[in-house]
Amino acid sequence: MEMNVLVIDDAQINLTLLCRLLEKVDECHSTSFLVPQDALTWCRENRPDLVIVDYMMPGMDGVEFIFDFRAIDGCHDIPILMITANDEVSLRVSGKPAALYPGSVGVGTISSMFNTMEIGHGWDGRKTIT
């Protein structure tokens, strides 16, 4: 069964990198958008298995996207991973993303995702990207 991952980021380089990483996962397909509102329009007709969304985007940030995404019928329990280059600890420890829908599944954040050490080695210590 193929997993469909929705990726939203206002930086094309980040979208390209994330989608290339997802290509390396067996049976994983990614759909990407630079504009969060376009992703929401797509979600009204499609259901991803996982959402990866940037926090800092112009017009609509990741938290606003999550709020609107969760309001779409059938999207209340889809796991979401919010990424950010924002180094403010207050965002990550505030629980703000998870507080959007108490009891919802899989709302989390990752910062400094593109650290060389992190993308150079997998979580199990094996080299994943050359």
N, C-alpha and C. Protein backbone atom coordinates (compact mmCIF):
# COMPACT_ATOMS: atom_id res chain seq x y z
N MET A 1 0.84 -1.18 0.00
CA MET A 1 0.00 0.00 0.00
C MET A 1 0.89 1.24 0.00
N GLU A 2 0.63 2.14 -0.92
CA GLU A 2 1.44 3.34 -1.04
C GLU A 2 1.02 4.40 -0.02
N MET A 3 2.02 5.05 0.58
CA MET A 3 1.77 6.14 1.51
C MET A 3 1.88 7.45 0.76
N ASN A 4 0.89 8.31 0.93
CA ASN A 4 0.89 9.62 0.29
C ASN A 4 1.21 10.68 1.35
N VAL A 5 2.33 11.38 1.15
CA VAL A 5 2.77 12.40 2.09
C VAL A 5 2.59 13.77 1.45
N LEU A 6 1.88 14.65 2.14
CA LEU A 6 1.70 16.02 1.70
C LEU A 6 2.78 16.88 2.32
N VAL A 7 3.50 17.65 1.50
CA VAL A 7 4.60 18.49 1.97
C VAL A 7 4.29 19.93 1.59
N ILE A 8 4.34 20.83 2.59
CA ILE A 8 4.07 22.25 2.35
C ILE A 8 5.22 23.07 2.91
N ASP A 9 5.85 23.85 2.04
CA ASP A 9 6.94 24.73 2.46
C ASP A 9 7.04 25.84 1.42
N ASP A 10 7.28 27.07 1.86
CA ASP A 10 7.37 28.19 0.93
C ASP A 10 8.72 28.28 0.23
N ALA A 11 9.68 27.45 0.61
CA ALA A 11 11.00 27.45 -0.02
C ALA A 11 11.12 26.24 -0.94
N GLN A 12 11.30 26.49 -2.23
CA GLN A 12 11.38 25.41 -3.21
C GLN A 12 12.50 24.42 -2.90
N ILE A 13 13.63 24.90 -2.42
CA ILE A 13 14.75 24.00 -2.11
C ILE A 13 14.37 23.01 -1.01
N ASN A 14 13.61 23.47 -0.03
CA ASN A 14 13.17 22.58 1.05
C ASN A 14 12.18 21.54 0.52
N LEU A 15 11.26 21.98 -0.33
CA LEU A 15 10.31 21.03 -0.94
C LEU A 15 11.05 19.97 -1.74
N THR A 16 11.99 20.41 -2.54
CA THR A 16 12.76 19.48 -3.37
C THR A 16 13.50 18.48 -2.50
N LEU A 17 14.17 18.95 -1.46
CA LEU A 17 14.94 18.07 -0.59
C LEU A 17 14.03 17.08 0.14
N LEU A 18 12.95 17.57 0.71
CA LEU A 18 12.03 16.68 1.42
C LEU A 18 11.43 15.62 0.49
N CYS A 19 11.01 16.04 -0.68
CA CYS A 19 10.42 15.09 -1.63
C CYS A 19 11.45 14.08 -2.11
N ARG A 20 12.68 14.51 -2.30
CA ARG A 20 13.74 13.57 -2.70
C ARG A 20 14.01 12.55 -1.59
N LEU A 21 14.00 13.01 -0.35
CA LEU A 21 14.18 12.09 0.78
C LEU A 21 13.03 11.09 0.84
N LEU A 22 11.82 11.56 0.61
CA LEU A 22 10.65 10.67 0.65
C LEU A 22 10.67 9.65 -0.48
N GLU A 23 11.26 10.01 -1.63
CA GLU A 23 11.38 9.08 -2.75
C GLU A 23 12.18 7.84 -2.36
N LYS A 24 13.07 7.98 -1.40
CA LYS A 24 13.92 6.88 -0.97
C LYS A 24 13.18 5.86 -0.10
N VAL A 25 11.99 6.22 0.34
CA VAL A 25 11.17 5.33 1.16
C VAL A 25 10.31 4.48 0.23
N ASP A 26 10.38 3.16 0.39
CA ASP A 26 9.58 2.27 -0.45
C ASP A 26 8.10 2.60 -0.33
N GLU A 27 7.42 2.58 -1.46
CA GLU A 27 5.98 2.79 -1.53
C GLU A 27 5.52 4.11 -0.91
N CYS A 28 6.33 5.14 -1.10
CA CYS A 28 5.99 6.46 -0.58
C CYS A 28 5.92 7.45 -1.74
N HIS A 29 4.84 8.19 -1.80
CA HIS A 29 4.63 9.21 -2.83
C HIS A 29 4.42 10.54 -2.13
N SER A 30 5.01 11.59 -2.67
CA SER A 30 4.82 12.91 -2.07
C SER A 30 4.09 13.84 -3.03
N THR A 31 3.28 14.71 -2.45
CA THR A 31 2.61 15.78 -3.16
C THR A 31 3.03 17.05 -2.46
N SER A 32 3.51 18.04 -3.21
CA SER A 32 4.06 19.23 -2.55
C SER A 32 3.41 20.51 -3.04
N PHE A 33 3.41 21.50 -2.14
CA PHE A 33 2.85 22.82 -2.44
C PHE A 33 3.73 23.89 -1.81
N LEU A 34 3.92 24.98 -2.54
CA LEU A 34 4.62 26.16 -2.02
C LEU A 34 3.68 27.07 -1.25
N VAL A 35 2.40 26.99 -1.56
CA VAL A 35 1.38 27.89 -0.97
C VAL A 35 0.41 27.05 -0.13
N PRO A 36 0.32 27.32 1.17
CA PRO A 36 -0.55 26.53 2.04
C PRO A 36 -2.02 26.51 1.59
N GLN A 37 -2.51 27.61 1.09
CA GLN A 37 -3.90 27.65 0.66
C GLN A 37 -4.15 26.68 -0.50
N ASP A 38 -3.16 26.52 -1.39
CA ASP A 38 -3.29 25.57 -2.49
C ASP A 38 -3.34 24.13 -1.95
N ALA A 39 -2.56 23.88 -0.92
CA ALA A 39 -2.56 22.55 -0.29
C ALA A 39 -3.93 22.27 0.34
N LEU A 40 -4.51 23.26 0.97
CA LEU A 40 -5.84 23.08 1.58
C LEU A 40 -6.89 22.78 0.51
N THR A 41 -6.79 23.45 -0.62
CA THR A 41 -7.72 23.18 -1.72
C THR A 41 -7.57 21.73 -2.18
N TRP A 42 -6.34 21.26 -2.32
CA TRP A 42 -6.07 19.87 -2.71
C TRP A 42 -6.64 18.90 -1.69
N CYS A 43 -6.53 19.24 -0.41
CA CYS A 43 -6.99 18.36 0.67
C CYS A 43 -8.51 18.22 0.71
N ARG A 44 -9.22 19.12 0.13
CA ARG A 44 -10.68 19.00 0.09
C ARG A 44 -11.13 17.85 -0.80
N GLU A 45 -10.25 17.42 -1.72
CA GLU A 45 -10.56 16.32 -2.64
C GLU A 45 -9.68 15.09 -2.42
N ASN A 46 -8.60 15.23 -1.65
CA ASN A 46 -7.62 14.15 -1.46
C ASN A 46 -7.28 14.02 0.02
N ARG A 47 -6.85 12.83 0.43
CA ARG A 47 -6.46 12.60 1.82
C ARG A 47 -5.03 12.07 1.88
N PRO A 48 -4.11 12.86 2.44
CA PRO A 48 -2.75 12.35 2.63
C PRO A 48 -2.72 11.41 3.83
N ASP A 49 -1.69 10.59 3.91
CA ASP A 49 -1.48 9.72 5.07
C ASP A 49 -0.65 10.42 6.13
N LEU A 50 0.11 11.43 5.72
CA LEU A 50 0.98 12.20 6.60
C LEU A 50 1.12 13.59 6.00
N VAL A 51 1.21 14.61 6.87
CA VAL A 51 1.43 15.99 6.42
C VAL A 51 2.73 16.48 7.05
N ILE A 52 3.60 17.05 6.21
CA ILE A 52 4.80 17.72 6.69
C ILE A 52 4.65 19.18 6.28
N VAL A 53 4.63 20.07 7.26
CA VAL A 53 4.38 21.49 6.98
C VAL A 53 5.42 22.37 7.67
N ASP A 54 5.87 23.39 6.97
CA ASP A 54 6.79 24.37 7.52
C ASP A 54 6.02 25.27 8.49
N TYR A 55 6.71 25.77 9.49
CA TYR A 55 6.07 26.69 10.43
C TYR A 55 6.03 28.12 9.87
N MET A 56 7.20 28.62 9.46
CA MET A 56 7.30 30.02 9.05
C MET A 56 7.08 30.15 7.54
N MET A 57 5.89 30.61 7.17
CA MET A 57 5.56 30.86 5.77
C MET A 57 4.79 32.17 5.70
N PRO A 58 4.96 32.92 4.60
CA PRO A 58 4.22 34.18 4.48
C PRO A 58 2.73 33.93 4.22
N GLY A 59 1.92 34.79 4.75
CA GLY A 59 0.47 34.69 4.52
C GLY A 59 -0.22 33.77 5.50
N MET A 60 0.20 32.53 5.56
CA MET A 60 -0.39 31.53 6.45
C MET A 60 0.74 30.69 7.03
N ASP A 61 0.92 30.74 8.34
CA ASP A 61 1.99 29.93 8.93
C ASP A 61 1.50 28.49 9.15
N GLY A 62 2.41 27.64 9.60
CA GLY A 62 2.10 26.23 9.77
C GLY A 62 0.98 25.98 10.77
N VAL A 63 0.91 26.75 11.84
CA VAL A 63 -0.14 26.57 12.84
C VAL A 63 -1.50 26.91 12.25
N GLU A 64 -1.56 27.99 11.49
CA GLU A 64 -2.83 28.35 10.82
C GLU A 64 -3.23 27.28 9.81
N PHE A 65 -2.24 26.74 9.10
CA PHE A 65 -2.53 25.66 8.16
C PHE A 65 -3.13 24.47 8.88
N ILE A 66 -2.51 24.07 10.00
CA ILE A 66 -3.00 22.91 10.75
C ILE A 66 -4.44 23.13 11.20
N PHE A 67 -4.71 24.32 11.70
CA PHE A 67 -6.07 24.64 12.16
C PHE A 67 -7.08 24.46 11.02
N ASP A 68 -6.78 25.03 9.85
CA ASP A 68 -7.68 24.92 8.70
C ASP A 68 -7.74 23.50 8.16
N PHE A 69 -6.62 22.81 8.15
CA PHE A 69 -6.56 21.42 7.69
C PHE A 69 -7.44 20.52 8.56
N ARG A 70 -7.34 20.68 9.86
CA ARG A 70 -8.13 19.86 10.78
C ARG A 70 -9.64 20.11 10.63
N ALA A 71 -10.01 21.27 10.10
CA ALA A 71 -11.43 21.58 9.91
C ALA A 71 -12.02 20.90 8.68
N ILE A 72 -11.16 20.35 7.81
CA ILE A 72 -11.65 19.65 6.61
C ILE A 72 -12.14 18.27 7.03
N ASP A 73 -13.32 17.92 6.56
CA ASP A 73 -13.91 16.62 6.89
C ASP A 73 -12.94 15.49 6.54
N GLY A 74 -12.68 14.62 7.51
CA GLY A 74 -11.81 13.48 7.30
C GLY A 74 -10.34 13.73 7.58
N CYS A 75 -10.00 14.93 7.99
CA CYS A 75 -8.58 15.26 8.22
C CYS A 75 -8.23 15.45 9.70
N HIS A 76 -9.15 15.13 10.59
CA HIS A 76 -8.92 15.40 12.01
C HIS A 76 -7.91 14.46 12.66
N ASP A 77 -7.66 13.29 12.06
CA ASP A 77 -6.75 12.35 12.71
C ASP A 77 -5.53 11.98 11.86
N ILE A 78 -5.24 12.78 10.85
CA ILE A 78 -4.06 12.53 10.00
C ILE A 78 -2.83 13.10 10.72
N PRO A 79 -1.76 12.30 10.86
CA PRO A 79 -0.55 12.78 11.55
C PRO A 79 0.08 13.97 10.81
N ILE A 80 0.59 14.91 11.60
CA ILE A 80 1.23 16.11 11.06
C ILE A 80 2.59 16.28 11.72
N LEU A 81 3.58 16.60 10.89
CA LEU A 81 4.91 16.93 11.37
C LEU A 81 5.21 18.35 10.92
N MET A 82 5.38 19.26 11.86
CA MET A 82 5.70 20.64 11.52
C MET A 82 7.19 20.84 11.66
N ILE A 83 7.82 21.35 10.60
CA ILE A 83 9.25 21.61 10.62
C ILE A 83 9.48 23.11 10.71
N THR A 84 10.63 23.48 11.25
CA THR A 84 10.92 24.91 11.37
C THR A 84 12.42 25.14 11.49
N ALA A 85 12.84 26.24 10.92
CA ALA A 85 14.21 26.72 11.13
C ALA A 85 14.22 27.69 12.29
N ASN A 86 13.05 27.97 12.83
CA ASN A 86 12.90 28.88 13.95
C ASN A 86 13.59 28.26 15.16
N ASP A 87 14.55 28.98 15.73
CA ASP A 87 15.28 28.44 16.87
C ASP A 87 14.68 28.85 18.21
N GLU A 88 13.51 29.45 18.18
CA GLU A 88 12.86 29.84 19.44
C GLU A 88 12.30 28.61 20.14
N VAL A 89 12.86 28.30 21.27
CA VAL A 89 12.42 27.15 22.04
C VAL A 89 10.97 27.30 22.46
N SER A 90 10.53 28.54 22.65
CA SER A 90 9.16 28.77 23.13
C SER A 90 8.12 28.16 22.19
N LEU A 91 8.38 28.16 20.88
CA LEU A 91 7.44 27.56 19.94
C LEU A 91 7.35 26.05 20.17
N ARG A 92 8.51 25.42 20.29
CA ARG A 92 8.53 23.96 20.39
C ARG A 92 8.00 23.46 21.72
N VAL A 93 8.24 24.17 22.79
CA VAL A 93 7.81 23.68 24.09
C VAL A 93 6.45 24.22 24.51
N SER A 94 5.90 25.15 23.74
CA SER A 94 4.61 25.74 24.10
C SER A 94 3.46 24.75 23.94
N GLY A 95 3.65 23.75 23.10
CA GLY A 95 2.56 22.83 22.82
C GLY A 95 1.53 23.45 21.90
N LYS A 96 1.83 24.62 21.34
CA LYS A 96 0.86 25.32 20.50
C LYS A 96 0.34 24.46 19.35
N PRO A 97 1.20 23.75 18.60
CA PRO A 97 0.65 22.92 17.52
C PRO A 97 -0.31 21.84 18.03
N ALA A 98 0.08 21.13 19.08
CA ALA A 98 -0.76 20.06 19.61
C ALA A 98 -2.03 20.58 20.25
N ALA A 99 -1.97 21.79 20.76
CA ALA A 99 -3.14 22.37 21.43
C ALA A 99 -4.26 22.72 20.46
N LEU A 100 -3.95 22.75 19.18
CA LEU A 100 -5.00 23.07 18.21
C LEU A 100 -6.15 22.08 18.29
N TYR A 101 -5.82 20.83 18.49
CA TYR A 101 -6.84 19.79 18.62
C TYR A 101 -6.40 18.82 19.70
N PRO A 102 -6.78 19.06 20.95
CA PRO A 102 -6.41 18.15 22.03
C PRO A 102 -6.85 16.73 21.70
N GLY A 103 -5.97 15.78 21.92
CA GLY A 103 -6.29 14.39 21.65
C GLY A 103 -6.08 13.99 20.21
N SER A 104 -5.64 14.93 19.37
CA SER A 104 -5.42 14.58 17.97
C SER A 104 -4.15 13.76 17.83
N VAL A 105 -4.05 13.09 16.72
CA VAL A 105 -2.95 12.17 16.47
C VAL A 105 -1.77 12.91 15.86
N GLY A 106 -0.58 12.67 16.38
CA GLY A 106 0.66 12.98 15.70
C GLY A 106 0.91 14.41 15.29
N VAL A 107 0.82 15.36 16.20
CA VAL A 107 1.26 16.71 15.88
C VAL A 107 2.58 16.91 16.58
N GLY A 108 3.64 17.18 15.82
CA GLY A 108 4.96 17.35 16.41
C GLY A 108 5.76 18.35 15.63
N THR A 109 6.91 18.76 16.17
CA THR A 109 7.77 19.71 15.48
C THR A 109 9.20 19.17 15.44
N ILE A 110 9.92 19.58 14.41
CA ILE A 110 11.35 19.29 14.29
C ILE A 110 12.02 20.60 13.92
N SER A 111 13.10 20.93 14.61
CA SER A 111 13.85 22.11 14.22
C SER A 111 15.21 21.67 13.69
N SER A 112 15.86 22.55 12.97
CA SER A 112 17.17 22.27 12.39
C SER A 112 17.18 20.96 11.63
N MET A 113 16.10 20.71 10.89
CA MET A 113 15.98 19.44 10.19
C MET A 113 17.10 19.19 9.21
N PHE A 114 17.66 20.24 8.63
CA PHE A 114 18.63 20.06 7.59
C PHE A 114 20.07 20.18 8.10
N ASN A 115 20.26 19.85 9.34
CA ASN A 115 21.60 19.77 9.90
C ASN A 115 22.35 18.65 9.19
N THR A 116 23.59 18.92 8.80
CA THR A 116 24.37 17.95 8.02
C THR A 116 24.46 16.59 8.70
N MET A 117 24.64 16.57 9.99
CA MET A 117 24.73 15.29 10.69
C MET A 117 23.41 14.54 10.60
N GLU A 118 22.31 15.24 10.70
CA GLU A 118 21.00 14.58 10.69
C GLU A 118 20.66 14.00 9.33
N ILE A 119 20.97 14.71 8.25
CA ILE A 119 20.62 14.15 6.95
C ILE A 119 21.71 13.24 6.42
N GLY A 120 22.87 13.25 7.05
CA GLY A 120 23.95 12.38 6.62
C GLY A 120 23.81 10.97 7.17
N HIS A 121 23.05 10.78 8.22
CA HIS A 121 22.89 9.47 8.85
C HIS A 121 21.45 9.27 9.26
N GLY A 122 20.98 8.04 9.11
CA GLY A 122 19.62 7.72 9.51
C GLY A 122 19.51 7.61 11.02
N TRP A 123 18.29 7.44 11.50
CA TRP A 123 18.07 7.35 12.94
C TRP A 123 18.72 6.11 13.52
N ASP A 124 18.92 5.08 12.70
CA ASP A 124 19.54 3.86 13.21
C ASP A 124 21.05 3.89 13.03
N GLY A 125 21.62 5.03 12.62
CA GLY A 125 23.04 5.18 12.51
C GLY A 125 23.61 4.82 11.14
N ARG A 126 22.79 4.23 10.26
CA ARG A 126 23.28 3.88 8.93
C ARG A 126 23.27 5.11 8.04
N LYS A 127 24.25 5.20 7.18
CA LYS A 127 24.28 6.31 6.24
C LYS A 127 23.12 6.17 5.26
N THR A 128 22.33 7.24 5.10
CA THR A 128 21.16 7.15 4.24
C THR A 128 21.27 8.01 3.00
N ILE A 129 22.08 9.05 3.04
CA ILE A 129 22.22 9.94 1.89
C ILE A 129 23.70 10.13 1.62
N THR A 130 24.10 9.95 0.37
CA THR A 130 25.52 10.14 0.04
C THR A 130 25.72 11.43 -0.69
